[in-house]
N, C-alpha and C. Protein backbone atom coordinates (compact mmCIF):
# COMPACT_ATOMS: atom_id res chain seq x y z
N MET A 1 0.84 -1.18 0.00
CA MET A 1 0.00 0.00 0.00
C MET A 1 0.88 1.25 0.00
N GLU A 2 0.55 2.19 -0.86
CA GLU A 2 1.32 3.42 -1.01
C GLU A 2 0.86 4.45 0.03
N ASP A 3 1.82 5.12 0.70
CA ASP A 3 1.44 6.14 1.69
C ASP A 3 1.12 7.46 0.99
N TRP A 4 0.59 8.41 1.75
CA TRP A 4 0.15 9.67 1.18
C TRP A 4 1.30 10.48 0.57
N VAL A 5 2.50 10.38 1.16
CA VAL A 5 3.65 11.09 0.61
C VAL A 5 3.99 10.56 -0.77
N GLY A 6 3.99 9.26 -0.93
CA GLY A 6 4.27 8.65 -2.23
C GLY A 6 3.24 9.07 -3.27
N ARG A 7 1.96 9.07 -2.88
CA ARG A 7 0.91 9.50 -3.82
C ARG A 7 1.09 10.96 -4.22
N TRP A 8 1.39 11.81 -3.23
CA TRP A 8 1.57 13.23 -3.51
C TRP A 8 2.76 13.43 -4.46
N LEU A 9 3.87 12.75 -4.20
CA LEU A 9 5.05 12.88 -5.05
C LEU A 9 4.78 12.37 -6.48
N ARG A 10 3.95 11.37 -6.60
CA ARG A 10 3.65 10.82 -7.92
C ARG A 10 2.86 11.83 -8.76
N VAL A 11 1.96 12.60 -8.16
CA VAL A 11 1.16 13.55 -8.92
C VAL A 11 1.74 14.97 -8.90
N HIS A 12 2.84 15.17 -8.19
CA HIS A 12 3.52 16.46 -8.14
C HIS A 12 5.01 16.25 -8.45
N PRO A 13 5.35 16.01 -9.71
CA PRO A 13 6.75 15.75 -10.04
C PRO A 13 7.65 16.96 -9.77
N LYS A 14 8.87 16.69 -9.41
CA LYS A 14 9.85 17.73 -9.11
C LYS A 14 10.42 18.29 -10.41
N VAL A 15 10.55 19.61 -10.47
CA VAL A 15 11.17 20.29 -11.61
C VAL A 15 12.34 21.08 -11.05
N GLN A 16 13.51 20.94 -11.67
CA GLN A 16 14.70 21.62 -11.19
C GLN A 16 15.30 22.47 -12.29
N ALA A 17 15.91 23.57 -11.92
CA ALA A 17 16.62 24.41 -12.87
C ALA A 17 17.83 25.00 -12.16
N TYR A 18 18.88 25.19 -12.90
CA TYR A 18 20.09 25.79 -12.34
C TYR A 18 20.25 27.19 -12.90
N VAL A 19 20.50 28.14 -12.00
CA VAL A 19 20.71 29.53 -12.40
C VAL A 19 21.98 30.02 -11.71
N SER A 20 22.53 31.12 -12.21
CA SER A 20 23.70 31.70 -11.55
C SER A 20 23.28 32.27 -10.20
N MET A 21 24.24 32.50 -9.34
CA MET A 21 23.93 33.08 -8.03
C MET A 21 23.31 34.46 -8.19
N GLU A 22 23.79 35.22 -9.17
CA GLU A 22 23.21 36.54 -9.44
C GLU A 22 21.75 36.42 -9.87
N GLY A 23 21.47 35.47 -10.75
CA GLY A 23 20.09 35.23 -11.18
C GLY A 23 19.22 34.80 -10.01
N TYR A 24 19.75 33.93 -9.16
CA TYR A 24 19.00 33.45 -8.00
C TYR A 24 18.68 34.61 -7.05
N GLN A 25 19.65 35.49 -6.84
CA GLN A 25 19.42 36.65 -5.96
C GLN A 25 18.31 37.54 -6.52
N LYS A 26 18.30 37.72 -7.85
CA LYS A 26 17.24 38.53 -8.48
C LYS A 26 15.87 37.87 -8.29
N ILE A 27 15.82 36.55 -8.45
CA ILE A 27 14.57 35.82 -8.27
C ILE A 27 14.10 35.94 -6.82
N ARG A 28 15.02 35.77 -5.87
CA ARG A 28 14.65 35.89 -4.45
C ARG A 28 14.15 37.28 -4.12
N GLU A 29 14.82 38.31 -4.67
CA GLU A 29 14.40 39.69 -4.42
C GLU A 29 13.01 39.95 -4.98
N LEU A 30 12.75 39.48 -6.21
CA LEU A 30 11.44 39.66 -6.81
C LEU A 30 10.37 38.93 -6.00
N ALA A 31 10.66 37.69 -5.60
CA ALA A 31 9.71 36.92 -4.80
C ALA A 31 9.42 37.64 -3.48
N SER A 32 10.45 38.15 -2.86
CA SER A 32 10.28 38.87 -1.59
C SER A 32 9.43 40.12 -1.79
N ASN A 33 9.70 40.87 -2.86
CA ASN A 33 8.93 42.09 -3.14
C ASN A 33 7.46 41.78 -3.40
N MET A 34 7.18 40.58 -3.90
CA MET A 34 5.80 40.19 -4.20
C MET A 34 5.18 39.36 -3.08
N ASN A 35 5.88 39.24 -1.96
CA ASN A 35 5.39 38.49 -0.80
C ASN A 35 5.04 37.05 -1.15
N MET A 36 5.94 36.38 -1.86
CA MET A 36 5.74 34.97 -2.16
C MET A 36 7.07 34.24 -2.10
N SER A 37 7.01 32.93 -2.02
CA SER A 37 8.23 32.13 -1.98
C SER A 37 8.82 32.05 -3.38
N VAL A 38 10.10 31.67 -3.46
CA VAL A 38 10.76 31.48 -4.75
C VAL A 38 10.02 30.41 -5.54
N SER A 39 9.64 29.34 -4.87
CA SER A 39 8.92 28.25 -5.52
C SER A 39 7.61 28.74 -6.11
N GLU A 40 6.86 29.53 -5.34
CA GLU A 40 5.57 30.05 -5.82
C GLU A 40 5.78 30.99 -7.01
N LEU A 41 6.80 31.85 -6.94
CA LEU A 41 7.09 32.77 -8.04
C LEU A 41 7.42 32.01 -9.32
N VAL A 42 8.26 30.99 -9.22
CA VAL A 42 8.65 30.21 -10.40
C VAL A 42 7.44 29.48 -10.96
N ARG A 43 6.62 28.88 -10.09
CA ARG A 43 5.40 28.20 -10.55
C ARG A 43 4.48 29.16 -11.30
N ARG A 44 4.28 30.35 -10.72
CA ARG A 44 3.40 31.33 -11.38
C ARG A 44 4.00 31.79 -12.70
N ALA A 45 5.32 31.97 -12.73
CA ALA A 45 5.98 32.42 -13.97
C ALA A 45 5.81 31.38 -15.07
N VAL A 46 5.83 30.11 -14.72
CA VAL A 46 5.70 29.05 -15.72
C VAL A 46 4.25 28.79 -16.08
N LEU A 47 3.38 28.73 -15.08
CA LEU A 47 1.99 28.32 -15.33
C LEU A 47 1.04 29.48 -15.61
N ASP A 48 1.38 30.68 -15.14
CA ASP A 48 0.48 31.82 -15.31
C ASP A 48 1.29 33.07 -15.63
N LEU A 49 2.07 33.01 -16.68
CA LEU A 49 2.97 34.12 -17.01
C LEU A 49 2.21 35.41 -17.25
N LYS A 50 1.09 35.36 -17.96
CA LYS A 50 0.33 36.58 -18.23
C LYS A 50 -0.20 37.18 -16.94
N GLY A 51 -0.76 36.36 -16.05
CA GLY A 51 -1.26 36.86 -14.78
C GLY A 51 -0.17 37.47 -13.93
N LEU A 52 0.99 36.82 -13.89
CA LEU A 52 2.12 37.33 -13.12
C LEU A 52 2.62 38.64 -13.73
N ARG A 53 2.72 38.68 -15.05
CA ARG A 53 3.17 39.89 -15.73
C ARG A 53 2.21 41.05 -15.44
N ASP A 54 0.91 40.77 -15.50
CA ASP A 54 -0.09 41.81 -15.21
C ASP A 54 0.03 42.30 -13.77
N GLU A 55 0.26 41.38 -12.85
CA GLU A 55 0.39 41.75 -11.43
C GLU A 55 1.62 42.61 -11.21
N VAL A 56 2.74 42.24 -11.85
CA VAL A 56 3.97 43.03 -11.72
C VAL A 56 3.76 44.41 -12.35
N TYR A 57 3.12 44.44 -13.51
CA TYR A 57 2.84 45.72 -14.18
C TYR A 57 1.99 46.62 -13.29
N GLU A 58 0.90 46.07 -12.75
CA GLU A 58 0.00 46.87 -11.90
C GLU A 58 0.73 47.39 -10.67
N SER A 59 1.56 46.53 -10.07
CA SER A 59 2.30 46.93 -8.88
C SER A 59 3.27 48.07 -9.22
N GLY A 60 4.00 47.93 -10.32
CA GLY A 60 4.92 48.98 -10.74
C GLY A 60 4.20 50.25 -11.12
N PHE A 61 3.06 50.09 -11.79
CA PHE A 61 2.26 51.25 -12.19
C PHE A 61 1.80 52.02 -10.97
N ARG A 62 1.26 51.29 -9.98
CA ARG A 62 0.78 51.95 -8.76
C ARG A 62 1.93 52.66 -8.04
N ASP A 63 3.08 51.98 -7.92
CA ASP A 63 4.23 52.60 -7.24
C ASP A 63 4.69 53.85 -7.98
N GLY A 64 4.80 53.75 -9.31
CA GLY A 64 5.23 54.89 -10.11
C GLY A 64 4.23 56.03 -10.04
N TYR A 65 2.95 55.69 -10.09
CA TYR A 65 1.90 56.70 -10.04
C TYR A 65 1.95 57.44 -8.70
N ARG A 66 2.05 56.67 -7.61
CA ARG A 66 2.11 57.30 -6.28
C ARG A 66 3.33 58.19 -6.14
N SER A 67 4.46 57.71 -6.65
CA SER A 67 5.70 58.49 -6.58
C SER A 67 5.58 59.78 -7.36
N ALA A 68 5.07 59.70 -8.59
CA ALA A 68 4.90 60.90 -9.43
C ALA A 68 3.91 61.86 -8.80
N LEU A 69 2.81 61.33 -8.28
CA LEU A 69 1.80 62.17 -7.65
C LEU A 69 2.39 62.90 -6.45
N SER A 70 3.20 62.19 -5.67
CA SER A 70 3.84 62.80 -4.51
C SER A 70 4.77 63.93 -4.94
N GLU A 71 5.54 63.69 -6.00
CA GLU A 71 6.45 64.73 -6.49
C GLU A 71 5.68 65.94 -7.00
N VAL A 72 4.59 65.71 -7.73
CA VAL A 72 3.79 66.82 -8.23
C VAL A 72 3.19 67.60 -7.07
N ARG A 73 2.70 66.89 -6.07
CA ARG A 73 2.13 67.58 -4.90
C ARG A 73 3.18 68.43 -4.20
N ASP A 74 4.41 67.89 -4.09
CA ASP A 74 5.48 68.66 -3.46
C ASP A 74 5.76 69.94 -4.24
N VAL A 75 5.83 69.83 -5.56
CA VAL A 75 6.07 71.01 -6.41
C VAL A 75 4.92 71.99 -6.25
N CYS A 76 3.69 71.48 -6.26
CA CYS A 76 2.51 72.34 -6.13
C CYS A 76 2.51 73.08 -4.80
N GLU A 77 2.88 72.38 -3.74
CA GLU A 77 2.91 73.04 -2.43
C GLU A 77 3.96 74.14 -2.42
N GLN A 78 5.11 73.88 -3.05
CA GLN A 78 6.15 74.90 -3.12
C GLN A 78 5.69 76.10 -3.93
N LEU A 79 4.94 75.85 -5.01
CA LEU A 79 4.45 76.93 -5.86
C LEU A 79 3.17 77.55 -5.32
N GLY A 80 2.52 76.85 -4.39
CA GLY A 80 1.28 77.34 -3.82
C GLY A 80 0.10 77.19 -4.76
N THR A 81 0.17 76.22 -5.66
CA THR A 81 -0.91 76.03 -6.63
C THR A 81 -0.98 74.58 -7.04
N TYR A 82 -2.13 74.16 -7.53
CA TYR A 82 -2.25 72.82 -8.08
C TYR A 82 -2.20 72.86 -9.60
N GLU A 83 -1.81 73.99 -10.14
CA GLU A 83 -1.63 74.13 -11.57
C GLU A 83 -0.12 74.17 -11.81
N VAL A 84 0.42 73.21 -12.53
CA VAL A 84 1.85 73.12 -12.76
C VAL A 84 2.14 73.50 -14.20
N PHE A 85 3.01 74.46 -14.41
CA PHE A 85 3.40 74.89 -15.74
C PHE A 85 2.19 75.26 -16.59
N GLY A 86 1.16 75.82 -15.97
CA GLY A 86 -0.02 76.25 -16.70
C GLY A 86 -0.94 75.12 -17.12
N ILE A 87 -0.69 73.90 -16.65
CA ILE A 87 -1.51 72.76 -17.04
C ILE A 87 -2.16 72.18 -15.80
N GLU A 88 -3.48 72.13 -15.79
CA GLU A 88 -4.21 71.47 -14.71
C GLU A 88 -4.53 70.07 -15.18
N GLU A 89 -4.55 69.12 -14.26
CA GLU A 89 -4.99 67.79 -14.65
C GLU A 89 -5.43 66.99 -13.45
N PHE A 90 -6.23 65.98 -13.71
CA PHE A 90 -6.65 65.04 -12.68
C PHE A 90 -6.95 63.70 -13.36
N THR A 91 -7.01 62.66 -12.56
CA THR A 91 -7.27 61.33 -13.10
C THR A 91 -8.49 60.73 -12.41
N VAL A 92 -9.15 59.86 -13.14
CA VAL A 92 -10.23 59.05 -12.61
C VAL A 92 -10.04 57.65 -13.16
N PRO A 93 -10.50 56.63 -12.43
CA PRO A 93 -10.36 55.27 -12.96
C PRO A 93 -11.32 55.05 -14.13
N CYS A 94 -10.84 54.32 -15.13
CA CYS A 94 -11.68 53.96 -16.27
C CYS A 94 -12.83 53.08 -15.78
N SER A 95 -14.02 53.35 -16.25
CA SER A 95 -15.19 52.59 -15.81
C SER A 95 -15.17 51.16 -16.32
N ARG A 96 -14.31 50.86 -17.28
CA ARG A 96 -14.26 49.50 -17.83
C ARG A 96 -13.07 48.69 -17.33
N CYS A 97 -11.85 49.30 -17.34
CA CYS A 97 -10.66 48.52 -16.96
C CYS A 97 -10.05 48.96 -15.65
N GLY A 98 -10.42 50.12 -15.12
CA GLY A 98 -9.89 50.59 -13.84
C GLY A 98 -8.59 51.36 -13.93
N LYS A 99 -7.95 51.38 -15.12
CA LYS A 99 -6.70 52.12 -15.27
C LYS A 99 -7.04 53.61 -15.35
N PRO A 100 -6.08 54.48 -14.97
CA PRO A 100 -6.37 55.91 -14.92
C PRO A 100 -6.68 56.52 -16.29
N VAL A 101 -7.67 57.39 -16.31
CA VAL A 101 -7.96 58.24 -17.47
C VAL A 101 -7.51 59.63 -17.03
N VAL A 102 -6.62 60.25 -17.78
CA VAL A 102 -6.06 61.55 -17.41
C VAL A 102 -6.79 62.65 -18.17
N PHE A 103 -7.33 63.59 -17.42
CA PHE A 103 -7.95 64.78 -18.01
C PHE A 103 -6.98 65.94 -17.81
N THR A 104 -6.65 66.66 -18.88
CA THR A 104 -5.71 67.75 -18.76
C THR A 104 -6.24 69.00 -19.45
N SER A 105 -5.67 70.13 -19.07
CA SER A 105 -6.11 71.41 -19.62
C SER A 105 -5.26 71.84 -20.81
N ARG A 106 -4.58 70.90 -21.42
CA ARG A 106 -3.73 71.28 -22.56
C ARG A 106 -4.56 71.92 -23.67
N SER A 107 -5.80 71.45 -23.83
CA SER A 107 -6.73 72.10 -24.76
C SER A 107 -7.61 73.01 -23.91
N LYS A 108 -7.24 74.27 -23.79
CA LYS A 108 -7.92 75.19 -22.87
C LYS A 108 -9.42 75.29 -23.13
N GLU A 109 -9.82 75.38 -24.39
CA GLU A 109 -11.24 75.54 -24.69
C GLU A 109 -12.02 74.30 -24.26
N PHE A 110 -11.53 73.12 -24.60
CA PHE A 110 -12.19 71.86 -24.21
C PHE A 110 -12.24 71.75 -22.70
N TRP A 111 -11.12 72.08 -22.05
CA TRP A 111 -11.02 72.00 -20.60
C TRP A 111 -12.05 72.93 -19.94
N GLU A 112 -12.06 74.18 -20.34
CA GLU A 112 -12.93 75.17 -19.69
C GLU A 112 -14.41 74.91 -19.95
N LYS A 113 -14.76 74.43 -21.15
CA LYS A 113 -16.18 74.27 -21.49
C LYS A 113 -16.72 72.88 -21.18
N ARG A 114 -15.91 71.84 -21.32
CA ARG A 114 -16.44 70.48 -21.23
C ARG A 114 -16.00 69.73 -19.98
N VAL A 115 -14.77 69.91 -19.52
CA VAL A 115 -14.24 69.09 -18.43
C VAL A 115 -14.38 69.77 -17.07
N LYS A 116 -13.82 70.94 -16.92
CA LYS A 116 -13.75 71.61 -15.62
C LYS A 116 -15.11 71.84 -14.95
N PRO A 117 -16.17 72.19 -15.69
CA PRO A 117 -17.46 72.42 -15.03
C PRO A 117 -18.00 71.19 -14.29
N ILE A 118 -17.71 70.01 -14.77
CA ILE A 118 -18.26 68.80 -14.15
C ILE A 118 -17.73 68.59 -12.74
N PRO A 119 -16.38 68.51 -12.54
CA PRO A 119 -15.92 68.34 -11.14
C PRO A 119 -16.26 69.54 -10.26
N LEU A 120 -16.26 70.75 -10.84
CA LEU A 120 -16.63 71.92 -10.04
C LEU A 120 -18.05 71.79 -9.51
N GLU A 121 -18.96 71.31 -10.36
CA GLU A 121 -20.34 71.12 -9.93
C GLU A 121 -20.45 69.98 -8.92
N LYS A 122 -19.84 68.85 -9.25
CA LYS A 122 -19.98 67.65 -8.39
C LYS A 122 -19.35 67.85 -7.02
N PHE A 123 -18.27 68.63 -6.95
CA PHE A 123 -17.57 68.80 -5.67
C PHE A 123 -17.82 70.17 -5.06
N SER A 124 -18.84 70.87 -5.53
CA SER A 124 -19.08 72.23 -5.05
C SER A 124 -19.42 72.29 -3.56
N HIS A 125 -19.92 71.21 -3.01
CA HIS A 125 -20.28 71.20 -1.58
C HIS A 125 -19.15 70.70 -0.67
N TRP A 126 -18.02 70.29 -1.25
CA TRP A 126 -16.91 69.79 -0.45
C TRP A 126 -16.13 70.94 0.17
N ALA A 127 -15.54 70.67 1.34
CA ALA A 127 -14.74 71.70 2.01
C ALA A 127 -13.64 71.02 2.81
N HIS A 128 -12.59 71.78 3.12
CA HIS A 128 -11.56 71.27 4.02
C HIS A 128 -12.21 70.96 5.36
N LYS A 129 -11.67 70.02 6.07
CA LYS A 129 -12.23 69.67 7.38
C LYS A 129 -12.27 70.90 8.29
N GLU A 130 -11.16 71.66 8.27
CA GLU A 130 -11.08 72.84 9.12
C GLU A 130 -12.12 73.89 8.72
N CYS A 131 -12.32 74.05 7.41
CA CYS A 131 -13.30 75.04 6.93
C CYS A 131 -14.71 74.61 7.32
N ALA A 132 -15.01 73.33 7.17
CA ALA A 132 -16.35 72.82 7.49
C ALA A 132 -16.62 72.96 8.98
N GLU A 133 -15.62 72.64 9.80
CA GLU A 133 -15.80 72.77 11.25
C GLU A 133 -15.96 74.23 11.64
N GLY A 134 -15.21 75.11 10.97
CA GLY A 134 -15.29 76.56 11.26
C GLY A 134 -16.66 77.10 10.92
N SER A 135 -17.18 76.70 9.74
CA SER A 135 -18.49 77.21 9.34
C SER A 135 -19.60 76.61 10.20
N ALA A 136 -19.42 75.37 10.65
CA ALA A 136 -20.42 74.75 11.50
C ALA A 136 -20.46 75.47 12.87
N SER A 137 -19.28 75.82 13.38
CA SER A 137 -19.25 76.46 14.68
C SER A 137 -19.82 77.89 14.61
N THR A 138 -19.62 78.58 13.45
CA THR A 138 -20.20 79.91 13.33
C THR A 138 -21.69 79.85 13.07
N ALA A 139 -22.15 78.74 12.49
CA ALA A 139 -23.58 78.60 12.22
C ALA A 139 -24.35 78.31 13.49
N LEU A 140 -23.68 77.77 14.50
CA LEU A 140 -24.37 77.45 15.75
C LEU A 140 -24.60 78.65 16.55
């Protein structure tokens, strides 16, 4: 009678590959950055390359987006404006794929007539926390 370990090994054959130490370190670093084991990373790379590629892309995209947004905010704070080099812009997620759609004022006429009025109307009731608390206290 075959034990459970033997059955498991029979249906899960071992796959081995040799890489340079430099290559192994890169694989370990990537696995660590993605919070998975080296074995799991290699399995996903072989069995689900598209899914893994998409996950790495999304992760890099988010990191790059956050970094760029932080840099733009820093510049804006230094300039005292959210308009950089005469160009205003904002992003919203695409309703179909979720990736950012960037709206910019590079076309001033389109921006002023078609784009800018919508967020101004939709967010017209929003206020800074401090402003809202100040107005509430004066209203009382």
